[in-house]
PDB file of N, CA and C in Angstrom:
ATOM      1  N   MET A   1      -0.638   3.073  14.828  1.00  0.00           N
ATOM      2  CA  MET A   1       0.409   2.712  13.903  1.00  0.00           C
ATOM      3  C   MET A   1      -0.235   2.795  12.519  1.00  0.00           C
ATOM      4  N   THR A   2       0.492   3.317  11.588  1.00  0.00           N
ATOM      5  CA  THR A   2       0.038   3.403  10.212  1.00  0.00           C
ATOM      6  C   THR A   2       0.822   2.417   9.385  1.00  0.00           C
ATOM      7  N   ILE A   3       0.088   1.644   8.540  1.00  0.00           N
ATOM      8  CA  ILE A   3       0.712   0.735   7.621  1.00  0.00           C
ATOM      9  C   ILE A   3       0.297   1.128   6.197  1.00  0.00           C
ATOM     10  N   THR A   4       1.076   0.704   5.216  1.00  0.00           N
ATOM     11  CA  THR A   4       0.732   0.974   3.817  1.00  0.00           C
ATOM     12  C   THR A   4       0.421  -0.395   3.177  1.00  0.00           C
ATOM     13  N   ILE A   5      -0.666  -0.444   2.435  1.00  0.00           N
ATOM     14  CA  ILE A   5      -0.984  -1.700   1.704  1.00  0.00           C
ATOM     15  C   ILE A   5      -1.028  -1.289   0.215  1.00  0.00           C
ATOM     16  N   ASP A   6      -0.242  -1.978  -0.573  1.00  0.00           N
ATOM     17  CA  ASP A   6      -0.221  -1.753  -2.002  1.00  0.00           C
ATOM     18  C   ASP A   6      -0.908  -2.929  -2.668  1.00  0.00           C
ATOM     19  N   THR A   7      -1.744  -2.691  -3.661  1.00  0.00           N
ATOM     20  CA  THR A   7      -2.426  -3.693  -4.355  1.00  0.00           C
ATOM     21  C   THR A   7      -2.719  -3.296  -5.790  1.00  0.00           C
ATOM     22  N   ALA A   8      -3.032  -4.319  -6.557  1.00  0.00           N
ATOM     23  CA  ALA A   8      -3.403  -4.100  -7.978  1.00  0.00           C
ATOM     24  C   ALA A   8      -4.393  -5.112  -8.450  1.00  0.00           C
ATOM     25  N   SER A   9      -4.640  -5.132  -9.711  1.00  0.00           N
ATOM     26  CA  SER A   9      -5.649  -6.005 -10.279  1.00  0.00           C
ATOM     27  C   SER A   9      -5.013  -7.383 -10.613  1.00  0.00           C
ATOM     28  N   VAL A  10      -4.926  -8.153  -9.555  1.00  0.00           N
ATOM     29  CA  VAL A  10      -4.413  -9.509  -9.710  1.00  0.00           C
ATOM     30  C   VAL A  10      -5.366 -10.531  -9.084  1.00  0.00           C
ATOM     31  N   ASP A  11      -5.355 -11.790  -9.637  1.00  0.00           N
ATOM     32  CA  ASP A  11      -6.236 -12.780  -9.127  1.00  0.00           C
ATOM     33  C   ASP A  11      -5.592 -13.476  -7.893  1.00  0.00           C
ATOM     34  N   GLU A  12      -6.280 -14.516  -7.380  1.00  0.00           N
ATOM     35  CA  GLU A  12      -5.806 -15.222  -6.223  1.00  0.00           C
ATOM     36  C   GLU A  12      -4.403 -15.880  -6.377  1.00  0.00           C
ATOM     37  N   GLY A  13      -4.071 -16.166  -7.639  1.00  0.00           N
ATOM     38  CA  GLY A  13      -2.813 -16.740  -7.943  1.00  0.00           C
ATOM     39  C   GLY A  13      -1.696 -15.701  -8.248  1.00  0.00           C
ATOM     40  N   GLY A  14      -2.069 -14.430  -8.130  1.00  0.00           N
ATOM     41  CA  GLY A  14      -1.076 -13.383  -8.418  1.00  0.00           C
ATOM     42  C   GLY A  14      -0.939 -13.015  -9.856  1.00  0.00           C
ATOM     43  N   ARG A  15      -1.823 -13.488 -10.732  1.00  0.00           N
ATOM     44  CA  ARG A  15      -1.765 -13.176 -12.126  1.00  0.00           C
ATOM     45  C   ARG A  15      -2.553 -11.898 -12.380  1.00  0.00           C
ATOM     46  N   PHE A  16      -1.998 -11.031 -13.153  1.00  0.00           N
ATOM     47  CA  PHE A  16      -2.600  -9.746 -13.604  1.00  0.00           C
ATOM     48  C   PHE A  16      -3.811 -10.041 -14.465  1.00  0.00           C
ATOM     49  N   VAL A  17      -4.932  -9.335 -14.160  1.00  0.00           N
ATOM     50  CA  VAL A  17      -6.181  -9.532 -14.960  1.00  0.00           C
ATOM     51  C   VAL A  17      -6.773  -8.202 -15.304  1.00  0.00           C
ATOM     52  N   HIS A  18      -7.686  -8.213 -16.256  1.00  0.00           N
ATOM     53  CA  HIS A  18      -8.390  -6.919 -16.715  1.00  0.00           C
ATOM     54  C   HIS A  18      -7.462  -6.006 -17.501  1.00  0.00           C
ATOM     55  N   ALA A  19      -6.647  -6.543 -18.373  1.00  0.00           N
ATOM     56  CA  ALA A  19      -5.739  -5.695 -19.134  1.00  0.00           C
ATOM     57  C   ALA A  19      -6.447  -4.701 -19.836  1.00  0.00           C
ATOM     58  N   ASP A  20      -5.929  -3.480 -19.855  1.00  0.00           N
ATOM     59  CA  ASP A  20      -6.418  -2.333 -20.609  1.00  0.00           C
ATOM     60  C   ASP A  20      -7.771  -1.854 -20.228  1.00  0.00           C
ATOM     61  N   ASP A  21      -8.243  -2.222 -19.025  1.00  0.00           N
ATOM     62  CA  ASP A  21      -9.586  -1.789 -18.522  1.00  0.00           C
ATOM     63  C   ASP A  21      -9.345  -1.088 -17.135  1.00  0.00           C
ATOM     64  N   ALA A  22      -9.143   0.167 -17.094  1.00  0.00           N
ATOM     65  CA  ALA A  22      -8.778   0.900 -15.925  1.00  0.00           C
ATOM     66  C   ALA A  22      -9.848   0.812 -14.828  1.00  0.00           C
ATOM     67  N   VAL A  23     -11.079   0.889 -15.171  1.00  0.00           N
ATOM     68  CA  VAL A  23     -12.187   0.849 -14.169  1.00  0.00           C
ATOM     69  C   VAL A  23     -12.211  -0.619 -13.580  1.00  0.00           C
ATOM     70  N   ALA A  24     -12.146  -1.641 -14.366  1.00  0.00           N
ATOM     71  CA  ALA A  24     -12.166  -3.003 -13.830  1.00  0.00           C
ATOM     72  C   ALA A  24     -10.965  -3.239 -12.953  1.00  0.00           C
ATOM     73  N   GLN A  25      -9.822  -2.717 -13.331  1.00  0.00           N
ATOM     74  CA  GLN A  25      -8.590  -2.904 -12.532  1.00  0.00           C
ATOM     75  C   GLN A  25      -8.756  -2.185 -11.194  1.00  0.00           C
ATOM     76  N   LEU A  26      -9.261  -1.044 -11.190  1.00  0.00           N
ATOM     77  CA  LEU A  26      -9.555  -0.289  -9.911  1.00  0.00           C
ATOM     78  C   LEU A  26     -10.526  -1.063  -9.018  1.00  0.00           C
ATOM     79  N   CYS A  27     -11.569  -1.556  -9.568  1.00  0.00           N
ATOM     80  CA  CYS A  27     -12.567  -2.328  -8.805  1.00  0.00           C
ATOM     81  C   CYS A  27     -11.954  -3.526  -8.155  1.00  0.00           C
ATOM     82  N   LEU A  28     -11.134  -4.353  -8.933  1.00  0.00           N
ATOM     83  CA  LEU A  28     -10.508  -5.473  -8.397  1.00  0.00           C
ATOM     84  C   LEU A  28      -9.502  -5.131  -7.362  1.00  0.00           C
ATOM     85  N   ALA A  29      -8.741  -4.012  -7.594  1.00  0.00           N
ATOM     86  CA  ALA A  29      -7.765  -3.590  -6.559  1.00  0.00           C
ATOM     87  C   ALA A  29      -8.443  -3.220  -5.307  1.00  0.00           C
ATOM     88  N   LEU A  30      -9.599  -2.629  -5.380  1.00  0.00           N
ATOM     89  CA  LEU A  30     -10.369  -2.274  -4.147  1.00  0.00           C
ATOM     90  C   LEU A  30     -10.844  -3.505  -3.460  1.00  0.00           C
ATOM     91  N   VAL A  31     -11.275  -4.555  -4.169  1.00  0.00           N
ATOM     92  CA  VAL A  31     -11.694  -5.830  -3.567  1.00  0.00           C
ATOM     93  C   VAL A  31     -10.415  -6.455  -2.870  1.00  0.00           C
ATOM     94  N   ARG A  32      -9.308  -6.390  -3.565  1.00  0.00           N
ATOM     95  CA  ARG A  32      -8.066  -6.926  -2.902  1.00  0.00           C
ATOM     96  C   ARG A  32      -7.706  -6.182  -1.643  1.00  0.00           C
ATOM     97  N   LEU A  33      -7.806  -4.852  -1.728  1.00  0.00           N
ATOM     98  CA  LEU A  33      -7.539  -4.001  -0.509  1.00  0.00           C
ATOM     99  C   LEU A  33      -8.464  -4.413   0.654  1.00  0.00           C
ATOM    100  N   GLU A  34      -9.755  -4.602   0.361  1.00  0.00           N
ATOM    101  CA  GLU A  34     -10.712  -4.994   1.397  1.00  0.00           C
ATOM    102  C   GLU A  34     -10.381  -6.329   1.962  1.00  0.00           C
ATOM    103  N   ALA A  35      -9.956  -7.231   1.163  1.00  0.00           N
ATOM    104  CA  ALA A  35      -9.582  -8.645   1.618  1.00  0.00           C
ATOM    105  C   ALA A  35      -8.393  -8.529   2.514  1.00  0.00           C
ATOM    106  N   GLU A  36      -7.407  -7.722   2.134  1.00  0.00           N
ATOM    107  CA  GLU A  36      -6.186  -7.546   2.990  1.00  0.00           C
ATOM    108  C   GLU A  36      -6.542  -6.909   4.325  1.00  0.00           C
ATOM    109  N   LEU A  37      -7.420  -5.903   4.276  1.00  0.00           N
ATOM    110  CA  LEU A  37      -7.873  -5.284   5.514  1.00  0.00           C
ATOM    111  C   LEU A  37      -8.556  -6.240   6.386  1.00  0.00           C
ATOM    112  N   THR A  38      -9.448  -7.050   5.844  1.00  0.00           N
ATOM    113  CA  THR A  38     -10.209  -8.009   6.657  1.00  0.00           C
ATOM    114  C   THR A  38      -9.286  -9.052   7.252  1.00  0.00           C
ATOM    115  N   ALA A  39      -8.293  -9.528   6.494  1.00  0.00           N
ATOM    116  CA  ALA A  39      -7.310 -10.439   6.991  1.00  0.00           C
ATOM    117  C   ALA A  39      -6.551  -9.965   8.234  1.00  0.00           C
ATOM    118  N   ARG A  40      -6.427  -8.590   8.292  1.00  0.00           N
ATOM    119  CA  ARG A  40      -5.737  -7.973   9.394  1.00  0.00           C
ATOM    120  C   ARG A  40      -6.662  -7.462  10.520  1.00  0.00           C
ATOM    121  N   GLY A  41      -7.955  -7.785  10.351  1.00  0.00           N
ATOM    122  CA  GLY A  41      -8.952  -7.361  11.374  1.00  0.00           C
ATOM    123  C   GLY A  41      -9.286  -5.933  11.269  1.00  0.00           C
ATOM    124  N   LEU A  42      -9.198  -5.388  10.074  1.00  0.00           N
ATOM    125  CA  LEU A  42      -9.445  -3.930   9.819  1.00  0.00           C
ATOM    126  C   LEU A  42     -10.530  -3.811   8.763  1.00  0.00           C
ATOM    127  N   GLY A  43     -10.869  -2.619   8.450  1.00  0.00           N
ATOM    128  CA  GLY A  43     -11.987  -2.370   7.445  1.00  0.00           C
ATOM    129  C   GLY A  43     -11.646  -1.054   6.686  1.00  0.00           C
ATOM    130  N   LEU A  44     -12.497  -0.765   5.741  1.00  0.00           N
ATOM    131  CA  LEU A  44     -12.312   0.420   4.936  1.00  0.00           C
ATOM    132  C   LEU A  44     -12.272   1.697   5.758  1.00  0.00           C
ATOM    133  N   SER A  45     -12.966   1.662   6.891  1.00  0.00           N
ATOM    134  CA  SER A  45     -13.076   2.859   7.722  1.00  0.00           C
ATOM    135  C   SER A  45     -11.648   3.168   8.407  1.00  0.00           C
ATOM    136  N   ASP A  46     -10.707   2.148   8.308  1.00  0.00           N
ATOM    137  CA  ASP A  46      -9.372   2.379   8.847  1.00  0.00           C
ATOM    138  C   ASP A  46      -8.400   3.043   7.822  1.00  0.00           C
ATOM    139  N   VAL A  47      -8.917   3.140   6.588  1.00  0.00           N
ATOM    140  CA  VAL A  47      -8.034   3.781   5.529  1.00  0.00           C
ATOM    141  C   VAL A  47      -8.093   5.301   5.765  1.00  0.00           C
ATOM    142  N   VAL A  48      -6.926   5.887   5.893  1.00  0.00           N
ATOM    143  CA  VAL A  48      -6.865   7.345   6.127  1.00  0.00           C
ATOM    144  C   VAL A  48      -6.445   8.095   4.858  1.00  0.00           C
ATOM    145  N   ARG A  49      -5.669   7.396   3.971  1.00  0.00           N
ATOM    146  CA  ARG A  49      -5.183   8.033   2.709  1.00  0.00           C
ATOM    147  C   ARG A  49      -5.116   6.967   1.674  1.00  0.00           C
ATOM    148  N   MET A  50      -5.392   7.337   0.448  1.00  0.00           N
ATOM    149  CA  MET A  50      -5.222   6.331  -0.619  1.00  0.00           C
ATOM    150  C   MET A  50      -4.674   7.071  -1.862  1.00  0.00           C
ATOM    151  N   ARG A  51      -3.789   6.454  -2.505  1.00  0.00           N
ATOM    152  CA  ARG A  51      -3.244   6.932  -3.768  1.00  0.00           C
ATOM    153  C   ARG A  51      -3.645   5.969  -4.898  1.00  0.00           C
ATOM    154  N   VAL A  52      -4.323   6.506  -5.892  1.00  0.00           N
ATOM    155  CA  VAL A  52      -4.667   5.746  -7.062  1.00  0.00           C
ATOM    156  C   VAL A  52      -3.581   6.060  -8.065  1.00  0.00           C
ATOM    157  N   LEU A  53      -2.781   5.103  -8.454  1.00  0.00           N
ATOM    158  CA  LEU A  53      -1.718   5.315  -9.447  1.00  0.00           C
ATOM    159  C   LEU A  53      -2.263   4.927 -10.814  1.00  0.00           C
ATOM    160  N   ALA A  54      -2.201   5.894 -11.716  1.00  0.00           N
ATOM    161  CA  ALA A  54      -2.837   5.708 -12.982  1.00  0.00           C
ATOM    162  C   ALA A  54      -1.917   6.111 -14.119  1.00  0.00           C
ATOM    163  N   VAL A  55      -1.911   5.263 -15.175  1.00  0.00           N
ATOM    164  CA  VAL A  55      -1.100   5.501 -16.379  1.00  0.00           C
ATOM    165  C   VAL A  55      -1.651   6.652 -17.144  1.00  0.00           C
ATOM    166  N   ASP A  56      -2.965   6.742 -17.313  1.00  0.00           N
ATOM    167  CA  ASP A  56      -3.597   7.756 -18.132  1.00  0.00           C
ATOM    168  C   ASP A  56      -4.117   8.917 -17.295  1.00  0.00           C
ATOM    169  N   PRO A  57      -3.438  10.096 -17.427  1.00  0.00           N
ATOM    170  CA  PRO A  57      -3.837  11.225 -16.572  1.00  0.00           C
ATOM    171  C   PRO A  57      -5.266  11.753 -16.875  1.00  0.00           C
ATOM    172  N   ASN A  58      -5.779  11.427 -18.031  1.00  0.00           N
ATOM    173  CA  ASN A  58      -7.127  11.866 -18.417  1.00  0.00           C
ATOM    174  C   ASN A  58      -8.226  11.058 -17.623  1.00  0.00           C
ATOM    175  N   GLU A  59      -7.848   9.919 -17.078  1.00  0.00           N
ATOM    176  CA  GLU A  59      -8.799   9.112 -16.271  1.00  0.00           C
ATOM    177  C   GLU A  59      -8.679   9.363 -14.789  1.00  0.00           C
ATOM    178  N   ALA A  60      -7.773  10.221 -14.353  1.00  0.00           N
ATOM    179  CA  ALA A  60      -7.455  10.387 -13.026  1.00  0.00           C
ATOM    180  C   ALA A  60      -8.661  10.777 -12.177  1.00  0.00           C
ATOM    181  N   ALA A  61      -9.390  11.796 -12.530  1.00  0.00           N
ATOM    182  CA  ALA A  61     -10.506  12.261 -11.786  1.00  0.00           C
ATOM    183  C   ALA A  61     -11.570  11.178 -11.680  1.00  0.00           C
ATOM    184  N   GLU A  62     -11.918  10.542 -12.753  1.00  0.00           N
ATOM    185  CA  GLU A  62     -12.985   9.475 -12.719  1.00  0.00           C
ATOM    186  C   GLU A  62     -12.536   8.365 -11.810  1.00  0.00           C
ATOM    187  N   LEU A  63     -11.340   7.950 -11.812  1.00  0.00           N
ATOM    188  CA  LEU A  63     -10.854   6.843 -10.980  1.00  0.00           C
ATOM    189  C   LEU A  63     -10.838   7.239  -9.481  1.00  0.00           C
ATOM    190  N   ALA A  64     -10.428   8.450  -9.231  1.00  0.00           N
ATOM    191  CA  ALA A  64     -10.468   8.915  -7.808  1.00  0.00           C
ATOM    192  C   ALA A  64     -11.849   9.075  -7.303  1.00  0.00           C
ATOM    193  N   ASP A  65     -12.841   9.525  -8.081  1.00  0.00           N
ATOM    194  CA  ASP A  65     -14.283   9.528  -7.715  1.00  0.00           C
ATOM    195  C   ASP A  65     -14.801   8.141  -7.521  1.00  0.00           C
ATOM    196  N   LEU A  66     -14.473   7.252  -8.428  1.00  0.00           N
ATOM    197  CA  LEU A  66     -14.925   5.866  -8.260  1.00  0.00           C
ATOM    198  C   LEU A  66     -14.404   5.199  -7.016  1.00  0.00           C
ATOM    199  N   ALA A  67     -13.186   5.463  -6.688  1.00  0.00           N
ATOM    200  CA  ALA A  67     -12.627   4.926  -5.355  1.00  0.00           C
ATOM    201  C   ALA A  67     -13.329   5.516  -4.221  1.00  0.00           C
ATOM    202  N   LEU A  68     -13.580   6.807  -4.220  1.00  0.00           N
ATOM    203  CA  LEU A  68     -14.268   7.510  -3.112  1.00  0.00           C
ATOM    204  C   LEU A  68     -15.672   6.941  -2.950  1.00  0.00           C
ATOM    205  N   GLU A  69     -16.333   6.575  -4.028  1.00  0.00           N
ATOM    206  CA  GLU A  69     -17.748   6.049  -3.997  1.00  0.00           C
ATOM    207  C   GLU A  69     -17.740   4.799  -3.095  1.00  0.00           C
ATOM    208  N   ARG A  70     -16.660   4.020  -3.133  1.00  0.00           N
ATOM    209  CA  ARG A  70     -16.639   2.725  -2.365  1.00  0.00           C
ATOM    210  C   ARG A  70     -16.681   3.030  -0.799  1.00  0.00           C
ATOM    211  N   PHE A  71     -16.249   4.185  -0.466  1.00  0.00           N
ATOM    212  CA  PHE A  71     -16.153   4.534   0.960  1.00  0.00           C
ATOM    213  C   PHE A  71     -17.473   5.179   1.485  1.00  0.00           C
ATOM    214  N   GLN A  72     -18.230   5.781   0.556  1.00  0.00           N
ATOM    215  CA  GLN A  72     -19.409   6.542   0.991  1.00  0.00           C
ATOM    216  C   GLN A  72     -20.450   5.715   1.770  1.00  0.00           C
ATOM    217  N   PRO A  73     -20.755   4.438   1.413  1.00  0.00           N
ATOM    218  CA  PRO A  73     -21.796   3.692   2.213  1.00  0.00           C
ATOM    219  C   PRO A  73     -21.440   3.538   3.671  1.00  0.00           C
ATOM    220  N   ILE A  74     -20.141   3.561   3.983  1.00  0.00           N
ATOM    221  CA  ILE A  74     -19.783   3.411   5.384  1.00  0.00           C
ATOM    222  C   ILE A  74     -19.545   4.754   6.108  1.00  0.00           C
ATOM    223  N   GLY A  75     -19.663   5.863   5.378  1.00  0.00           N
ATOM    224  CA  GLY A  75     -19.515   7.191   5.916  1.00  0.00           C
ATOM    225  C   GLY A  75     -18.006   7.600   6.080  1.00  0.00           C
ATOM    226  N   ALA A  76     -17.181   6.907   5.360  1.00  0.00           N
ATOM    227  CA  ALA A  76     -15.708   7.258   5.454  1.00  0.00           C
ATOM    228  C   ALA A  76     -15.354   8.178   4.258  1.00  0.00           C
ATOM    229  N   ALA A  77     -14.410   9.039   4.488  1.00  0.00           N
ATOM    230  CA  ALA A  77     -13.974   9.843   3.404  1.00  0.00           C
ATOM    231  C   ALA A  77     -12.426  10.055   3.532  1.00  0.00           C
ATOM    232  N   PRO A  78     -11.667   9.062   3.240  1.00  0.00           N
ATOM    233  CA  PRO A  78     -10.256   9.256   3.283  1.00  0.00           C
ATOM    234  C   PRO A  78      -9.701  10.192   2.232  1.00  0.00           C
ATOM    235  N   GLU A  79      -8.577  10.719   2.445  1.00  0.00           N
ATOM    236  CA  GLU A  79      -7.974  11.553   1.386  1.00  0.00           C
ATOM    237  C   GLU A  79      -7.623  10.622   0.211  1.00  0.00           C
ATOM    238  N   ILE A  80      -8.075  10.926  -0.923  1.00  0.00           N
ATOM    239  CA  ILE A  80      -7.773  10.134  -2.125  1.00  0.00           C
ATOM    240  C   ILE A  80      -7.100  11.012  -3.118  1.00  0.00           C
ATOM    241  N   ARG A  81      -5.956  10.592  -3.603  1.00  0.00           N
ATOM    242  CA  ARG A  81      -5.229  11.370  -4.616  1.00  0.00           C
ATOM    243  C   ARG A  81      -4.978  10.414  -5.784  1.00  0.00           C
ATOM    244  N   CYS A  82      -5.031  10.961  -6.931  1.00  0.00           N
ATOM    245  CA  CYS A  82      -4.732  10.181  -8.081  1.00  0.00           C
ATOM    246  C   CYS A  82      -3.390  10.721  -8.724  1.00  0.00           C
ATOM    247  N   LEU A  83      -2.453   9.857  -8.829  1.00  0.00           N
ATOM    248  CA  LEU A  83      -1.074  10.210  -9.307  1.00  0.00           C
ATOM    249  C   LEU A  83      -0.845   9.564 -10.687  1.00  0.00           C
ATOM    250  N   HIS A  84      -0.273  10.334 -11.576  1.00  0.00           N
ATOM    251  CA  HIS A  84       0.052   9.891 -12.887  1.00  0.00           C
ATOM    252  C   HIS A  84       1.395   9.190 -12.827  1.00  0.00           C
ATOM    253  N   VAL A  85       1.491   7.947 -13.276  1.00  0.00           N
ATOM    254  CA  VAL A  85       2.753   7.257 -13.432  1.00  0.00           C
ATOM    255  C   VAL A  85       2.988   6.947 -14.883  1.00  0.00           C
ATOM    256  N   GLY A  86       4.276   6.861 -15.278  1.00  0.00           N
ATOM    257  CA  GLY A  86       4.559   6.650 -16.716  1.00  0.00           C
ATOM    258  C   GLY A  86       4.189   5.293 -17.201  1.00  0.00           C
ATOM    259  N   ARG A  87       4.412   4.290 -16.313  1.00  0.00           N
ATOM    260  CA  ARG A  87       4.055   2.901 -16.685  1.00  0.00           C
ATOM    261  C   ARG A  87       3.983   2.020 -15.447  1.00  0.00           C
ATOM    262  N   MET A  88       3.345   0.895 -15.586  1.00  0.00           N
ATOM    263  CA  MET A  88       3.289  -0.077 -14.468  1.00  0.00           C
ATOM    264  C   MET A  88       4.124  -1.281 -14.725  1.00  0.00           C
ATOM    265  N   THR A  89       4.167  -2.240 -13.870  1.00  0.00           N
ATOM    266  CA  THR A  89       5.004  -3.357 -13.981  1.00  0.00           C
ATOM    267  C   THR A  89       4.622  -4.373 -15.056  1.00  0.00           C
ATOM    268  N   SER A  90       3.359  -4.456 -15.395  1.00  0.00           N
ATOM    269  CA  SER A  90       2.925  -5.363 -16.401  1.00  0.00           C
ATOM    270  C   SER A  90       2.239  -4.680 -17.588  1.00  0.00           C
ATOM    271  N   PRO A  91       2.515  -5.130 -18.806  1.00  0.00           N
ATOM    272  CA  PRO A  91       1.853  -4.537 -19.904  1.00  0.00           C
ATOM    273  C   PRO A  91       0.336  -4.611 -19.743  1.00  0.00           C
ATOM    274  N   GLY A  92      -0.447  -3.504 -20.032  1.00  0.00           N
ATOM    275  CA  GLY A  92      -1.819  -3.465 -19.878  1.00  0.00           C
ATOM    276  C   GLY A  92      -2.315  -3.101 -18.511  1.00  0.00           C
ATOM    277  N   MET A  93      -1.372  -3.013 -17.562  1.00  0.00           N
ATOM    278  CA  MET A  93      -1.747  -2.544 -16.243  1.00  0.00           C
ATOM    279  C   MET A  93      -1.889  -0.995 -16.251  1.00  0.00           C
ATOM    280  N   LEU A  94      -3.009  -0.510 -15.866  1.00  0.00           N
ATOM    281  CA  LEU A  94      -3.346   0.911 -15.894  1.00  0.00           C
ATOM    282  C   LEU A  94      -3.460   1.547 -14.531  1.00  0.00           C
ATOM    283  N   VAL A  95      -3.788   0.716 -13.549  1.00  0.00           N
ATOM    284  CA  VAL A  95      -4.100   1.243 -12.212  1.00  0.00           C
ATOM    285  C   VAL A  95      -3.524   0.363 -11.088  1.00  0.00           C
ATOM    286  N   ALA A  96      -3.112   1.031 -10.039  1.00  0.00           N
ATOM    287  CA  ALA A  96      -2.688   0.286  -8.778  1.00  0.00           C
ATOM    288  C   ALA A  96      -3.102   1.255  -7.633  1.00  0.00           C
ATOM    289  N   LEU A  97      -3.180   0.637  -6.439  1.00  0.00           N
ATOM    290  CA  LEU A  97      -3.550   1.345  -5.207  1.00  0.00           C
ATOM    291  C   LEU A  97      -2.453   1.263  -4.183  1.00  0.00           C
ATOM    292  N   SER A  98      -2.390   2.358  -3.406  1.00  0.00           N
ATOM    293  CA  SER A  98      -1.514   2.371  -2.268  1.00  0.00           C
ATOM    294  C   SER A  98      -2.278   3.033  -1.115  1.00  0.00           C
ATOM    295  N   ALA A  99      -2.659   2.343  -0.057  1.00  0.00           N
ATOM    296  CA  ALA A  99      -3.481   2.815   0.964  1.00  0.00           C
ATOM    297  C   ALA A  99      -2.735   2.909   2.296  1.00  0.00           C
ATOM    298  N   ASP A 100      -2.834   4.064   2.996  1.00  0.00           N
ATOM    299  CA  ASP A 100      -2.315   4.176   4.267  1.00  0.00           C
ATOM    300  C   ASP A 100      -3.430   3.952   5.287  1.00  0.00           C
ATOM    301  N   VAL A 101      -3.151   3.007   6.195  1.00  0.00           N
ATOM    302  CA  VAL A 101      -4.209   2.504   7.137  1.00  0.00           C
ATOM    303  C   VAL A 101      -3.770   2.619   8.563  1.00  0.00           C
ATOM    304  N   THR A 102      -4.676   3.181   9.420  1.00  0.00           N
ATOM    305  CA  THR A 102      -4.349   3.262  10.798  1.00  0.00           C
ATOM    306  C   THR A 102      -4.796   1.955  11.441  1.00  0.00           C
ATOM    307  N   ASP A 103      -3.828   1.316  12.024  1.00  0.00           N
ATOM    308  CA  ASP A 103      -4.129  -0.001  12.715  1.00  0.00           C
ATOM    309  C   ASP A 103      -4.150   0.201  14.188  1.00  0.00           C
ATOM    310  N   THR A 104      -5.390   0.422  14.695  1.00  0.00           N
ATOM    311  CA  THR A 104      -5.601   0.664  16.096  1.00  0.00           C
ATOM    312  C   THR A 104      -5.639  -0.604  16.887  1.00  0.00           C
ATOM    313  N   THR A 105      -5.655  -1.774  16.233  1.00  0.00           N
ATOM    314  CA  THR A 105      -5.638  -3.042  16.974  1.00  0.00           C
ATOM    315  C   THR A 105      -4.291  -3.173  17.733  1.00  0.00           C
ATOM    316  N   LEU A 106      -3.248  -2.536  17.235  1.00  0.00           N
ATOM    317  CA  LEU A 106      -1.921  -2.713  17.903  1.00  0.00           C
ATOM    318  C   LEU A 106      -1.824  -1.853  19.120  1.00  0.00           C
ATOM    319  N   ASP A 107      -2.671  -0.753  19.200  1.00  0.00           N
ATOM    320  CA  ASP A 107      -2.659   0.153  20.286  1.00  0.00           C
ATOM    321  C   ASP A 107      -3.461  -0.317  21.562  1.00  0.00           C
ATOM    322  N   ARG A 108      -4.280  -1.304  21.311  1.00  0.00           N
ATOM    323  CA  ARG A 108      -5.205  -1.670  22.445  1.00  0.00           C
ATOM    324  C   ARG A 108      -4.438  -2.488  23.436  1.00  0.00           C
ATOM    325  N   GLU A 109      -4.899  -2.506  24.656  1.00  0.00           N
ATOM    326  CA  GLU A 109      -4.378  -3.303  25.777  1.00  0.00           C
ATOM    327  C   GLU A 109      -4.832  -4.709  25.574  1.00  0.00           C
ATOM    328  N   PRO A 110      -3.975  -5.713  25.814  1.00  0.00           N
ATOM    329  CA  PRO A 110      -4.439  -7.144  25.640  1.00  0.00           C
ATOM    330  C   PRO A 110      -5.473  -7.402  26.752  1.00  0.00           C
ATOM    331  N   ASP A 111      -6.501  -8.218  26.330  1.00  0.00           N
ATOM    332  CA  ASP A 111      -7.467  -8.668  27.311  1.00  0.00           C
ATOM    333  C   ASP A 111      -7.248 -10.113  27.656  1.00  0.00           C
ATOM    334  N   GLU A 112      -8.091 -10.675  28.487  1.00  0.00           N
ATOM    335  CA  GLU A 112      -7.935 -12.054  28.936  1.00  0.00           C
ATOM    336  C   GLU A 112      -8.013 -13.049  27.792  1.00  0.00           C
ATOM    337  N   SER A 113      -8.872 -12.774  26.804  1.00  0.00           N
ATOM    338  CA  SER A 113      -8.978 -13.695  25.718  1.00  0.00           C
ATOM    339  C   SER A 113      -7.737 -13.840  24.886  1.00  0.00           C
ATOM    340  N   ASP A 114      -6.801 -12.823  24.940  1.00  0.00           N
ATOM    341  CA  ASP A 114      -5.523 -12.907  24.248  1.00  0.00           C
ATOM    342  C   ASP A 114      -4.624 -14.012  24.833  1.00  0.00           C
ATOM    343  N   HIS A 115      -4.919 -14.373  26.123  1.00  0.00           N
ATOM    344  CA  HIS A 115      -4.084 -15.318  26.883  1.00  0.00           C
ATOM    345  C   HIS A 115      -4.713 -16.680  26.966  1.00  0.00           C
ATOM    346  N   GLU A 116      -5.895 -16.881  26.467  1.00  0.00           N
ATOM    347  CA  GLU A 116      -6.611 -18.145  26.564  1.00  0.00           C
ATOM    348  C   GLU A 116      -6.025 -19.139  25.586  1.00  0.00           C
ATOM    349  N   PRO A 117      -5.804 -20.357  25.864  1.00  0.00           N
ATOM    350  CA  PRO A 117      -5.271 -21.337  24.968  1.00  0.00           C
ATOM    351  C   PRO A 117      -6.231 -21.500  23.793  1.00  0.00           C
ATOM    352  N   LYS A 118      -5.693 -21.719  22.688  1.00  0.00           N
ATOM    353  CA  LYS A 118      -6.409 -21.988  21.432  1.00  0.00           C
ATOM    354  C   LYS A 118      -6.506 -23.482  21.197  1.00  0.00           C
ATOM    355  N   ASP A 119      -7.701 -23.970  20.790  1.00  0.00           N
ATOM    356  CA  ASP A 119      -7.819 -25.371  20.503  1.00  0.00           C
ATOM    357  C   ASP A 119      -7.136 -25.766  19.186  1.00  0.00           C
TER     358      ASP A 119
END
């Protein structure tokens, strides 16, 4: 099963941060993506495609390269595309992410631990 996770540069309270700093926004969006993956029992290696949505088309290549760098230490190389968008939802927001993730945990057969009572 493939799911899509969308994220941006927001803090734990959902407030937008790092206004007008595309690189910082991308980095925080990647952190948020990893947290969402972890919460679902997944990791960066499960990302098959990612779209970097950017307001400034001149930063597109740098942002896509930066995103790809995050995957290199684990040997993953998902398809990463940078798409130019006219504007974002918040003033100062320059970057957002949309990642397609293959969730193989839904395909597995249940084992005995799935039926054990939880304390």
